Amino acid sequence: MTRRAAVIVVLALATGCGGATKATKRHSDDAIIYLKTSVSDAEVWVNDRFIARIKDLGGGLQLSPGRYRIEIRDDRYHTAYLDLRVENRERRTIPVKLAEVLP
């Protein structure tokens, strides 16, 4: 697996949080992206792969440098899409507003 393909979610595994993907090696050059939204049960998908729920990403989303398509999904809201390019050791907080699906 290449460094670019490595997607790591930093979770508090010691507390038994679910939804983690297979762990890959962490690199000191990885970026950490914090997604802030009021919908804590929303799912985070990176490049069409489920990563975790927002509430389980306390330590942020750890990504190797590169380009990513991030989706924030919840059945009660329209999906939010983020096309990101992350750099070495970047730290970024991204507010995400989800629009409620009307009946």
PDB file of N, CA and C in Angstrom:
ATOM      1  N   MET A   1       0.849  -1.175   0.000  1.00  0.00           N
ATOM      2  CA  MET A   1       0.000   0.000   0.000  1.00  0.00           C
ATOM      3  C   MET A   1       0.890   1.231   0.000  1.00  0.00           C
ATOM      4  N   THR A   2       0.580   2.202  -0.836  1.00  0.00           N
ATOM      5  CA  THR A   2       1.373   3.420  -0.900  1.00  0.00           C
ATOM      6  C   THR A   2       0.972   4.360   0.224  1.00  0.00           C
ATOM      7  N   ARG A   3       1.861   5.313   0.517  1.00  0.00           N
ATOM      8  CA  ARG A   3       1.536   6.306   1.556  1.00  0.00           C
ATOM      9  C   ARG A   3       0.309   7.099   1.175  1.00  0.00           C
ATOM     10  N   ARG A   4       0.182   7.395  -0.120  1.00  0.00           N
ATOM     11  CA  ARG A   4      -0.961   8.199  -0.563  1.00  0.00           C
ATOM     12  C   ARG A   4      -2.272   7.455  -0.335  1.00  0.00           C
ATOM     13  N   ALA A   5      -2.248   6.156  -0.463  1.00  0.00           N
ATOM     14  CA  ALA A   5      -3.468   5.370  -0.302  1.00  0.00           C
ATOM     15  C   ALA A   5      -3.828   5.159   1.165  1.00  0.00           C
ATOM     16  N   ALA A   6      -2.876   5.443   2.036  1.00  0.00           N
ATOM     17  CA  ALA A   6      -3.118   5.189   3.457  1.00  0.00           C
ATOM     18  C   ALA A   6      -4.075   6.223   4.027  1.00  0.00           C
ATOM     19  N   VAL A   7      -5.157   5.753   4.577  1.00  0.00           N
ATOM     20  CA  VAL A   7      -6.120   6.622   5.250  1.00  0.00           C
ATOM     21  C   VAL A   7      -6.286   6.065   6.653  1.00  0.00           C
ATOM     22  N   ILE A   8      -5.964   6.895   7.620  1.00  0.00           N
ATOM     23  CA  ILE A   8      -6.002   6.437   9.007  1.00  0.00           C
ATOM     24  C   ILE A   8      -6.948   7.322   9.791  1.00  0.00           C
ATOM     25  N   VAL A   9      -7.780   6.739  10.515  1.00  0.00           N
ATOM     26  CA  VAL A   9      -8.641   7.496  11.403  1.00  0.00           C
ATOM     27  C   VAL A   9      -8.084   7.363  12.812  1.00  0.00           C
ATOM     28  N   VAL A  10      -7.887   8.506  13.429  1.00  0.00           N
ATOM     29  CA  VAL A  10      -7.384   8.498  14.793  1.00  0.00           C
ATOM     30  C   VAL A  10      -8.586   8.384  15.725  1.00  0.00           C
ATOM     31  N   LEU A  11      -8.714   7.255  16.351  1.00  0.00           N
ATOM     32  CA  LEU A  11      -9.835   7.009  17.257  1.00  0.00           C
ATOM     33  C   LEU A  11      -9.316   6.639  18.638  1.00  0.00           C
ATOM     34  N   ALA A  12     -10.145   6.829  19.599  1.00  0.00           N
ATOM     35  CA  ALA A  12      -9.805   6.409  20.952  1.00  0.00           C
ATOM     36  C   ALA A  12     -10.157   4.927  21.070  1.00  0.00           C
ATOM     37  N   LEU A  13      -9.334   4.092  20.511  1.00  0.00           N
ATOM     38  CA  LEU A  13      -9.628   2.658  20.461  1.00  0.00           C
ATOM     39  C   LEU A  13      -9.678   2.035  21.854  1.00  0.00           C
ATOM     40  N   ALA A  14      -8.957   2.623  22.761  1.00  0.00           N
ATOM     41  CA  ALA A  14      -8.953   2.065  24.113  1.00  0.00           C
ATOM     42  C   ALA A  14     -10.334   2.135  24.754  1.00  0.00           C
ATOM     43  N   THR A  15     -11.173   3.059  24.282  1.00  0.00           N
ATOM     44  CA  THR A  15     -12.510   3.173  24.850  1.00  0.00           C
ATOM     45  C   THR A  15     -13.518   2.311  24.108  1.00  0.00           C
ATOM     46  N   GLY A  16     -13.062   1.582  23.096  1.00  0.00           N
ATOM     47  CA  GLY A  16     -13.947   0.673  22.397  1.00  0.00           C
ATOM     48  C   GLY A  16     -14.788   1.324  21.318  1.00  0.00           C
ATOM     49  N   CYS A  17     -14.370   2.448  20.785  1.00  0.00           N
ATOM     50  CA  CYS A  17     -15.128   3.085  19.710  1.00  0.00           C
ATOM     51  C   CYS A  17     -15.130   2.184  18.490  1.00  0.00           C
ATOM     52  N   GLY A  18     -16.273   2.070  17.829  1.00  0.00           N
ATOM     53  CA  GLY A  18     -16.371   1.234  16.645  1.00  0.00           C
ATOM     54  C   GLY A  18     -16.172   2.039  15.383  1.00  0.00           C
ATOM     55  N   GLY A  19     -16.185   1.350  14.247  1.00  0.00           N
ATOM     56  CA  GLY A  19     -16.140   2.014  12.960  1.00  0.00           C
ATOM     57  C   GLY A  19     -14.752   2.278  12.427  1.00  0.00           C
ATOM     58  N   ALA A  20     -13.734   1.758  13.046  1.00  0.00           N
ATOM     59  CA  ALA A  20     -12.383   1.998  12.553  1.00  0.00           C
ATOM     60  C   ALA A  20     -12.102   1.118  11.339  1.00  0.00           C
ATOM     61  N   THR A  21     -11.299   1.643  10.450  1.00  0.00           N
ATOM     62  CA  THR A  21     -10.856   0.843   9.317  1.00  0.00           C
ATOM     63  C   THR A  21      -9.599   0.099   9.732  1.00  0.00           C
ATOM     64  N   LYS A  22      -9.104  -0.756   8.835  1.00  0.00           N
ATOM     65  CA  LYS A  22      -7.865  -1.442   9.123  1.00  0.00           C
ATOM     66  C   LYS A  22      -6.767  -0.422   9.385  1.00  0.00           C
ATOM     67  N   ALA A  23      -6.039  -0.626  10.439  1.00  0.00           N
ATOM     68  CA  ALA A  23      -4.971   0.313  10.773  1.00  0.00           C
ATOM     69  C   ALA A  23      -3.826   0.170   9.785  1.00  0.00           C
ATOM     70  N   THR A  24      -3.296   1.288   9.367  1.00  0.00           N
ATOM     71  CA  THR A  24      -2.101   1.303   8.542  1.00  0.00           C
ATOM     72  C   THR A  24      -1.068   2.126   9.277  1.00  0.00           C
ATOM     73  N   LYS A  25       0.150   2.138   8.783  1.00  0.00           N
ATOM     74  CA  LYS A  25       1.208   2.865   9.461  1.00  0.00           C
ATOM     75  C   LYS A  25       0.922   4.361   9.493  1.00  0.00           C
ATOM     76  N   ARG A  26       1.202   4.970  10.606  1.00  0.00           N
ATOM     77  CA  ARG A  26       1.090   6.414  10.741  1.00  0.00           C
ATOM     78  C   ARG A  26       2.414   7.030  10.323  1.00  0.00           C
ATOM     79  N   HIS A  27       2.314   8.198   9.728  1.00  0.00           N
ATOM     80  CA  HIS A  27       3.510   8.903   9.299  1.00  0.00           C
ATOM     81  C   HIS A  27       3.507  10.298   9.888  1.00  0.00           C
ATOM     82  N   SER A  28       4.670  10.781  10.247  1.00  0.00           N
ATOM     83  CA  SER A  28       4.753  12.116  10.840  1.00  0.00           C
ATOM     84  C   SER A  28       4.374  13.206   9.845  1.00  0.00           C
ATOM     85  N   ASP A  29       4.387  12.914   8.556  1.00  0.00           N
ATOM     86  CA  ASP A  29       4.013  13.895   7.539  1.00  0.00           C
ATOM     87  C   ASP A  29       2.508  13.952   7.287  1.00  0.00           C
ATOM     88  N   ASP A  30       1.748  13.071   7.908  1.00  0.00           N
ATOM     89  CA  ASP A  30       0.305  13.034   7.662  1.00  0.00           C
ATOM     90  C   ASP A  30      -0.381  14.314   8.121  1.00  0.00           C
ATOM     91  N   ALA A  31      -1.462  14.642   7.427  1.00  0.00           N
ATOM     92  CA  ALA A  31      -2.306  15.779   7.798  1.00  0.00           C
ATOM     93  C   ALA A  31      -3.387  15.282   8.755  1.00  0.00           C
ATOM     94  N   ILE A  32      -3.903  16.182   9.563  1.00  0.00           N
ATOM     95  CA  ILE A  32      -5.042  15.859  10.419  1.00  0.00           C
ATOM     96  C   ILE A  32      -6.129  16.884  10.126  1.00  0.00           C
ATOM     97  N   ILE A  33      -7.292  16.370   9.726  1.00  0.00           N
ATOM     98  CA  ILE A  33      -8.429  17.197   9.364  1.00  0.00           C
ATOM     99  C   ILE A  33      -9.517  16.978  10.415  1.00  0.00           C
ATOM    100  N   TYR A  34     -10.008  18.078  10.981  1.00  0.00           N
ATOM    101  CA  TYR A  34     -11.095  18.022  11.959  1.00  0.00           C
ATOM    102  C   TYR A  34     -12.373  18.486  11.268  1.00  0.00           C
ATOM    103  N   LEU A  35     -13.396  17.646  11.293  1.00  0.00           N
ATOM    104  CA  LEU A  35     -14.681  17.970  10.680  1.00  0.00           C
ATOM    105  C   LEU A  35     -15.650  18.356  11.786  1.00  0.00           C
ATOM    106  N   LYS A  36     -16.183  19.570  11.713  1.00  0.00           N
ATOM    107  CA  LYS A  36     -17.097  20.065  12.744  1.00  0.00           C
ATOM    108  C   LYS A  36     -18.498  20.191  12.168  1.00  0.00           C
ATOM    109  N   THR A  37     -19.446  19.459  12.743  1.00  0.00           N
ATOM    110  CA  THR A  37     -20.837  19.532  12.345  1.00  0.00           C
ATOM    111  C   THR A  37     -21.717  19.217  13.547  1.00  0.00           C
ATOM    112  N   SER A  38     -22.944  19.677  13.491  1.00  0.00           N
ATOM    113  CA  SER A  38     -23.869  19.420  14.601  1.00  0.00           C
ATOM    114  C   SER A  38     -24.520  18.044  14.496  1.00  0.00           C
ATOM    115  N   VAL A  39     -24.279  17.339  13.401  1.00  0.00           N
ATOM    116  CA  VAL A  39     -24.877  16.012  13.186  1.00  0.00           C
ATOM    117  C   VAL A  39     -23.831  14.961  13.565  1.00  0.00           C
ATOM    118  N   SER A  40     -23.794  14.605  14.837  1.00  0.00           N
ATOM    119  CA  SER A  40     -22.732  13.725  15.336  1.00  0.00           C
ATOM    120  C   SER A  40     -22.828  12.287  14.834  1.00  0.00           C
ATOM    121  N   ASP A  41     -24.023  11.868  14.388  1.00  0.00           N
ATOM    122  CA  ASP A  41     -24.172  10.502  13.872  1.00  0.00           C
ATOM    123  C   ASP A  41     -23.852  10.385  12.382  1.00  0.00           C
ATOM    124  N   ALA A  42     -23.531  11.501  11.739  1.00  0.00           N
ATOM    125  CA  ALA A  42     -23.226  11.463  10.303  1.00  0.00           C
ATOM    126  C   ALA A  42     -21.996  10.592  10.052  1.00  0.00           C
ATOM    127  N   GLU A  43     -22.010   9.918   8.912  1.00  0.00           N
ATOM    128  CA  GLU A  43     -20.904   9.047   8.526  1.00  0.00           C
ATOM    129  C   GLU A  43     -19.883   9.817   7.702  1.00  0.00           C
ATOM    130  N   VAL A  44     -18.613   9.466   7.882  1.00  0.00           N
ATOM    131  CA  VAL A  44     -17.527  10.047   7.098  1.00  0.00           C
ATOM    132  C   VAL A  44     -17.039   8.987   6.119  1.00  0.00           C
ATOM    133  N   TRP A  45     -17.030   9.349   4.842  1.00  0.00           N
ATOM    134  CA  TRP A  45     -16.535   8.481   3.773  1.00  0.00           C
ATOM    135  C   TRP A  45     -15.375   9.198   3.095  1.00  0.00           C
ATOM    136  N   VAL A  46     -14.292   8.481   2.847  1.00  0.00           N
ATOM    137  CA  VAL A  46     -13.139   9.046   2.153  1.00  0.00           C
ATOM    138  C   VAL A  46     -12.879   8.190   0.927  1.00  0.00           C
ATOM    139  N   ASN A  47     -12.932   8.831  -0.243  1.00  0.00           N
ATOM    140  CA  ASN A  47     -12.722   8.127  -1.518  1.00  0.00           C
ATOM    141  C   ASN A  47     -13.595   6.871  -1.603  1.00  0.00           C
ATOM    142  N   ASP A  48     -14.892   7.045  -1.313  1.00  0.00           N
ATOM    143  CA  ASP A  48     -15.904   5.979  -1.388  1.00  0.00           C
ATOM    144  C   ASP A  48     -15.697   4.851  -0.390  1.00  0.00           C
ATOM    145  N   ARG A  49     -14.991   5.114   0.693  1.00  0.00           N
ATOM    146  CA  ARG A  49     -14.756   4.097   1.718  1.00  0.00           C
ATOM    147  C   ARG A  49     -15.215   4.638   3.078  1.00  0.00           C
ATOM    148  N   PHE A  50     -16.087   3.873   3.753  1.00  0.00           N
ATOM    149  CA  PHE A  50     -16.562   4.294   5.073  1.00  0.00           C
ATOM    150  C   PHE A  50     -15.401   4.314   6.057  1.00  0.00           C
ATOM    151  N   ILE A  51     -15.324   5.425   6.813  1.00  0.00           N
ATOM    152  CA  ILE A  51     -14.256   5.548   7.799  1.00  0.00           C
ATOM    153  C   ILE A  51     -14.799   5.446   9.222  1.00  0.00           C
ATOM    154  N   ALA A  52     -15.738   6.327   9.576  1.00  0.00           N
ATOM    155  CA  ALA A  52     -16.294   6.343  10.941  1.00  0.00           C
ATOM    156  C   ALA A  52     -17.441   7.341  10.990  1.00  0.00           C
ATOM    157  N   ARG A  53     -18.087   7.426  12.135  1.00  0.00           N
ATOM    158  CA  ARG A  53     -19.081   8.466  12.377  1.00  0.00           C
ATOM    159  C   ARG A  53     -18.356   9.688  12.956  1.00  0.00           C
ATOM    160  N   ILE A  54     -18.929  10.853  12.724  1.00  0.00           N
ATOM    161  CA  ILE A  54     -18.325  12.098  13.213  1.00  0.00           C
ATOM    162  C   ILE A  54     -17.999  12.002  14.703  1.00  0.00           C
ATOM    163  N   LYS A  55     -18.925  11.471  15.492  1.00  0.00           N
ATOM    164  CA  LYS A  55     -18.716  11.414  16.946  1.00  0.00           C
ATOM    165  C   LYS A  55     -17.523  10.539  17.330  1.00  0.00           C
ATOM    166  N   ASP A  56     -17.089   9.662  16.443  1.00  0.00           N
ATOM    167  CA  ASP A  56     -15.962   8.777  16.729  1.00  0.00           C
ATOM    168  C   ASP A  56     -14.623   9.327  16.236  1.00  0.00           C
ATOM    169  N   LEU A  57     -14.630  10.530  15.660  1.00  0.00           N
ATOM    170  CA  LEU A  57     -13.401  11.126  15.122  1.00  0.00           C
ATOM    171  C   LEU A  57     -12.821  12.173  16.068  1.00  0.00           C
ATOM    172  N   GLY A  58     -12.811  11.892  17.335  1.00  0.00           N
ATOM    173  CA  GLY A  58     -12.321  12.859  18.312  1.00  0.00           C
ATOM    174  C   GLY A  58     -10.923  13.360  18.023  1.00  0.00           C
ATOM    175  N   GLY A  59     -10.070  12.509  17.517  1.00  0.00           N
ATOM    176  CA  GLY A  59      -8.696  12.900  17.208  1.00  0.00           C
ATOM    177  C   GLY A  59      -8.517  13.415  15.804  1.00  0.00           C
ATOM    178  N   GLY A  60      -9.585  13.497  15.046  1.00  0.00           N
ATOM    179  CA  GLY A  60      -9.491  13.990  13.677  1.00  0.00           C
ATOM    180  C   GLY A  60      -9.287  12.873  12.674  1.00  0.00           C
ATOM    181  N   LEU A  61      -9.290  13.265  11.436  1.00  0.00           N
ATOM    182  CA  LEU A  61      -9.111  12.353  10.310  1.00  0.00           C
ATOM    183  C   LEU A  61      -7.675  12.483   9.837  1.00  0.00           C
ATOM    184  N   GLN A  62      -6.899  11.418   9.949  1.00  0.00           N
ATOM    185  CA  GLN A  62      -5.483  11.466   9.602  1.00  0.00           C
ATOM    186  C   GLN A  62      -5.315  10.975   8.175  1.00  0.00           C
ATOM    187  N   LEU A  63      -4.743  11.825   7.318  1.00  0.00           N
ATOM    188  CA  LEU A  63      -4.590  11.512   5.899  1.00  0.00           C
ATOM    189  C   LEU A  63      -3.156  11.757   5.455  1.00  0.00           C
ATOM    190  N   SER A  64      -2.655  10.891   4.610  1.00  0.00           N
ATOM    191  CA  SER A  64      -1.347  11.153   4.020  1.00  0.00           C
ATOM    192  C   SER A  64      -1.517  12.272   2.995  1.00  0.00           C
ATOM    193  N   PRO A  65      -0.465  13.006   2.680  1.00  0.00           N
ATOM    194  CA  PRO A  65      -0.579  14.103   1.719  1.00  0.00           C
ATOM    195  C   PRO A  65      -1.148  13.612   0.385  1.00  0.00           C
ATOM    196  N   GLY A  66      -2.051  14.398  -0.178  1.00  0.00           N
ATOM    197  CA  GLY A  66      -2.663  14.033  -1.452  1.00  0.00           C
ATOM    198  C   GLY A  66      -4.042  14.643  -1.609  1.00  0.00           C
ATOM    199  N   ARG A  67      -4.790  14.126  -2.590  1.00  0.00           N
ATOM    200  CA  ARG A  67      -6.146  14.603  -2.877  1.00  0.00           C
ATOM    201  C   ARG A  67      -7.164  13.573  -2.405  1.00  0.00           C
ATOM    202  N   TYR A  68      -8.278  14.084  -1.850  1.00  0.00           N
ATOM    203  CA  TYR A  68      -9.312  13.213  -1.312  1.00  0.00           C
ATOM    204  C   TYR A  68     -10.691  13.779  -1.599  1.00  0.00           C
ATOM    205  N   ARG A  69     -11.649  12.881  -1.742  1.00  0.00           N
ATOM    206  CA  ARG A  69     -13.066  13.257  -1.798  1.00  0.00           C
ATOM    207  C   ARG A  69     -13.680  12.753  -0.507  1.00  0.00           C
ATOM    208  N   ILE A  70     -14.123  13.683   0.315  1.00  0.00           N
ATOM    209  CA  ILE A  70     -14.709  13.337   1.611  1.00  0.00           C
ATOM    210  C   ILE A  70     -16.203  13.606   1.536  1.00  0.00           C
ATOM    211  N   GLU A  71     -16.986  12.641   2.001  1.00  0.00           N
ATOM    212  CA  GLU A  71     -18.436  12.780   2.039  1.00  0.00           C
ATOM    213  C   GLU A  71     -18.903  12.652   3.480  1.00  0.00           C
ATOM    214  N   ILE A  72     -19.832  13.527   3.854  1.00  0.00           N
ATOM    215  CA  ILE A  72     -20.463  13.457   5.166  1.00  0.00           C
ATOM    216  C   ILE A  72     -21.910  13.060   4.899  1.00  0.00           C
ATOM    217  N   ARG A  73     -22.315  11.867   5.343  1.00  0.00           N
ATOM    218  CA  ARG A  73     -23.625  11.302   5.015  1.00  0.00           C
ATOM    219  C   ARG A  73     -24.479  11.058   6.254  1.00  0.00           C
ATOM    220  N   ASP A  74     -25.760  11.354   6.105  1.00  0.00           N
ATOM    221  CA  ASP A  74     -26.764  11.030   7.110  1.00  0.00           C
ATOM    222  C   ASP A  74     -28.092  10.977   6.377  1.00  0.00           C
ATOM    223  N   ASP A  75     -28.915   9.981   6.664  1.00  0.00           N
ATOM    224  CA  ASP A  75     -30.185   9.805   5.948  1.00  0.00           C
ATOM    225  C   ASP A  75     -31.132  10.986   6.090  1.00  0.00           C
ATOM    226  N   ARG A  76     -31.010  11.747   7.167  1.00  0.00           N
ATOM    227  CA  ARG A  76     -31.914  12.877   7.404  1.00  0.00           C
ATOM    228  C   ARG A  76     -31.448  14.170   6.735  1.00  0.00           C
ATOM    229  N   TYR A  77     -30.253  14.146   6.133  1.00  0.00           N
ATOM    230  CA  TYR A  77     -29.654  15.347   5.559  1.00  0.00           C
ATOM    231  C   TYR A  77     -29.101  15.055   4.165  1.00  0.00           C
ATOM    232  N   HIS A  78     -28.973  16.125   3.378  1.00  0.00           N
ATOM    233  CA  HIS A  78     -28.308  15.990   2.082  1.00  0.00           C
ATOM    234  C   HIS A  78     -26.821  15.762   2.338  1.00  0.00           C
ATOM    235  N   THR A  79     -26.207  14.929   1.529  1.00  0.00           N
ATOM    236  CA  THR A  79     -24.787  14.619   1.681  1.00  0.00           C
ATOM    237  C   THR A  79     -23.946  15.855   1.373  1.00  0.00           C
ATOM    238  N   ALA A  80     -22.930  16.083   2.190  1.00  0.00           N
ATOM    239  CA  ALA A  80     -21.964  17.164   1.954  1.00  0.00           C
ATOM    240  C   ALA A  80     -20.718  16.548   1.327  1.00  0.00           C
ATOM    241  N   TYR A  81     -20.201  17.204   0.300  1.00  0.00           N
ATOM    242  CA  TYR A  81     -19.017  16.722  -0.411  1.00  0.00           C
ATOM    243  C   TYR A  81     -17.878  17.721  -0.242  1.00  0.00           C
ATOM    244  N   LEU A  82     -16.695  17.206   0.042  1.00  0.00           N
ATOM    245  CA  LEU A  82     -15.504  18.037   0.155  1.00  0.00           C
ATOM    246  C   LEU A  82     -14.419  17.432  -0.722  1.00  0.00           C
ATOM    247  N   ASP A  83     -13.903  18.206  -1.645  1.00  0.00           N
ATOM    248  CA  ASP A  83     -12.755  17.779  -2.429  1.00  0.00           C
ATOM    249  C   ASP A  83     -11.554  18.508  -1.857  1.00  0.00           C
ATOM    250  N   LEU A  84     -10.658  17.758  -1.222  1.00  0.00           N
ATOM    251  CA  LEU A  84      -9.536  18.361  -0.503  1.00  0.00           C
ATOM    252  C   LEU A  84      -8.200  17.909  -1.050  1.00  0.00           C
ATOM    253  N   ARG A  85      -7.281  18.819  -0.983  1.00  0.00           N
ATOM    254  CA  ARG A  85      -5.875  18.477  -1.184  1.00  0.00           C
ATOM    255  C   ARG A  85      -5.199  18.800   0.135  1.00  0.00           C
ATOM    256  N   VAL A  86      -4.555  17.822   0.718  1.00  0.00           N
ATOM    257  CA  VAL A  86      -3.887  18.036   2.001  1.00  0.00           C
ATOM    258  C   VAL A  86      -2.384  17.954   1.811  1.00  0.00           C
ATOM    259  N   GLU A  87      -1.697  18.758   2.589  1.00  0.00           N
ATOM    260  CA  GLU A  87      -0.239  18.863   2.515  1.00  0.00           C
ATOM    261  C   GLU A  87       0.402  18.180   3.725  1.00  0.00           C
ATOM    262  N   ASN A  88       1.698  18.010   3.673  1.00  0.00           N
ATOM    263  CA  ASN A  88       2.451  17.445   4.790  1.00  0.00           C
ATOM    264  C   ASN A  88       2.160  18.203   6.076  1.00  0.00           C
ATOM    265  N   ARG A  89       1.865  17.475   7.118  1.00  0.00           N
ATOM    266  CA  ARG A  89       1.689  18.000   8.475  1.00  0.00           C
ATOM    267  C   ARG A  89       0.626  19.092   8.595  1.00  0.00           C
ATOM    268  N   GLU A  90      -0.258  19.158   7.650  1.00  0.00           N
ATOM    269  CA  GLU A  90      -1.320  20.171   7.692  1.00  0.00           C
ATOM    270  C   GLU A  90      -2.311  19.864   8.800  1.00  0.00           C
ATOM    271  N   ARG A  91      -2.799  20.909   9.442  1.00  0.00           N
ATOM    272  CA  ARG A  91      -3.858  20.801  10.441  1.00  0.00           C
ATOM    273  C   ARG A  91      -4.945  21.763   9.998  1.00  0.00           C
ATOM    274  N   ARG A  92      -6.163  21.249   9.841  1.00  0.00           N
ATOM    275  CA  ARG A  92      -7.249  22.094   9.357  1.00  0.00           C
ATOM    276  C   ARG A  92      -8.552  21.681  10.012  1.00  0.00           C
ATOM    277  N   THR A  93      -9.342  22.668  10.409  1.00  0.00           N
ATOM    278  CA  THR A  93     -10.688  22.429  10.917  1.00  0.00           C
ATOM    279  C   THR A  93     -11.655  22.905   9.846  1.00  0.00           C
ATOM    280  N   ILE A  94     -12.587  22.034   9.464  1.00  0.00           N
ATOM    281  CA  ILE A  94     -13.536  22.347   8.410  1.00  0.00           C
ATOM    282  C   ILE A  94     -14.955  22.259   8.974  1.00  0.00           C
ATOM    283  N   PRO A  95     -15.660  23.400   9.022  1.00  0.00           N
ATOM    284  CA  PRO A  95     -17.063  23.338   9.433  1.00  0.00           C
ATOM    285  C   PRO A  95     -17.897  22.771   8.290  1.00  0.00           C
ATOM    286  N   VAL A  96     -18.811  21.858   8.618  1.00  0.00           N
ATOM    287  CA  VAL A  96     -19.661  21.227   7.603  1.00  0.00           C
ATOM    288  C   VAL A  96     -21.107  21.427   8.016  1.00  0.00           C
ATOM    289  N   LYS A  97     -21.884  22.137   7.181  1.00  0.00           N
ATOM    290  CA  LYS A  97     -23.310  22.324   7.435  1.00  0.00           C
ATOM    291  C   LYS A  97     -24.067  21.350   6.547  1.00  0.00           C
ATOM    292  N   LEU A  98     -24.925  20.572   7.168  1.00  0.00           N
ATOM    293  CA  LEU A  98     -25.759  19.633   6.420  1.00  0.00           C
ATOM    294  C   LEU A  98     -27.160  20.189   6.326  1.00  0.00           C
ATOM    295  N   ALA A  99     -27.701  20.208   5.106  1.00  0.00           N
ATOM    296  CA  ALA A  99     -29.069  20.698   4.880  1.00  0.00           C
ATOM    297  C   ALA A  99     -30.053  19.558   5.105  1.00  0.00           C
ATOM    298  N   GLU A 100     -31.050  19.818   5.923  1.00  0.00           N
ATOM    299  CA  GLU A 100     -32.044  18.813   6.256  1.00  0.00           C
ATOM    300  C   GLU A 100     -32.898  18.457   5.026  1.00  0.00           C
ATOM    301  N   VAL A 101     -33.167  17.167   4.861  1.00  0.00           N
ATOM    302  CA  VAL A 101     -34.047  16.705   3.790  1.00  0.00           C
ATOM    303  C   VAL A 101     -35.470  17.023   4.193  1.00  0.00           C
ATOM    304  N   LEU A 102     -36.176  17.730   3.345  1.00  0.00           N
ATOM    305  CA  LEU A 102     -37.569  18.099   3.642  1.00  0.00           C
ATOM    306  C   LEU A 102     -38.514  16.980   3.232  1.00  0.00           C
ATOM    307  N   PRO A 103     -39.631  16.821   3.972  1.00  0.00           N
ATOM    308  CA  PRO A 103     -40.579  15.746   3.640  1.00  0.00           C
ATOM    309  C   PRO A 103     -41.276  15.970   2.319  1.00  0.00           C
TER     310      PRO A 103
END
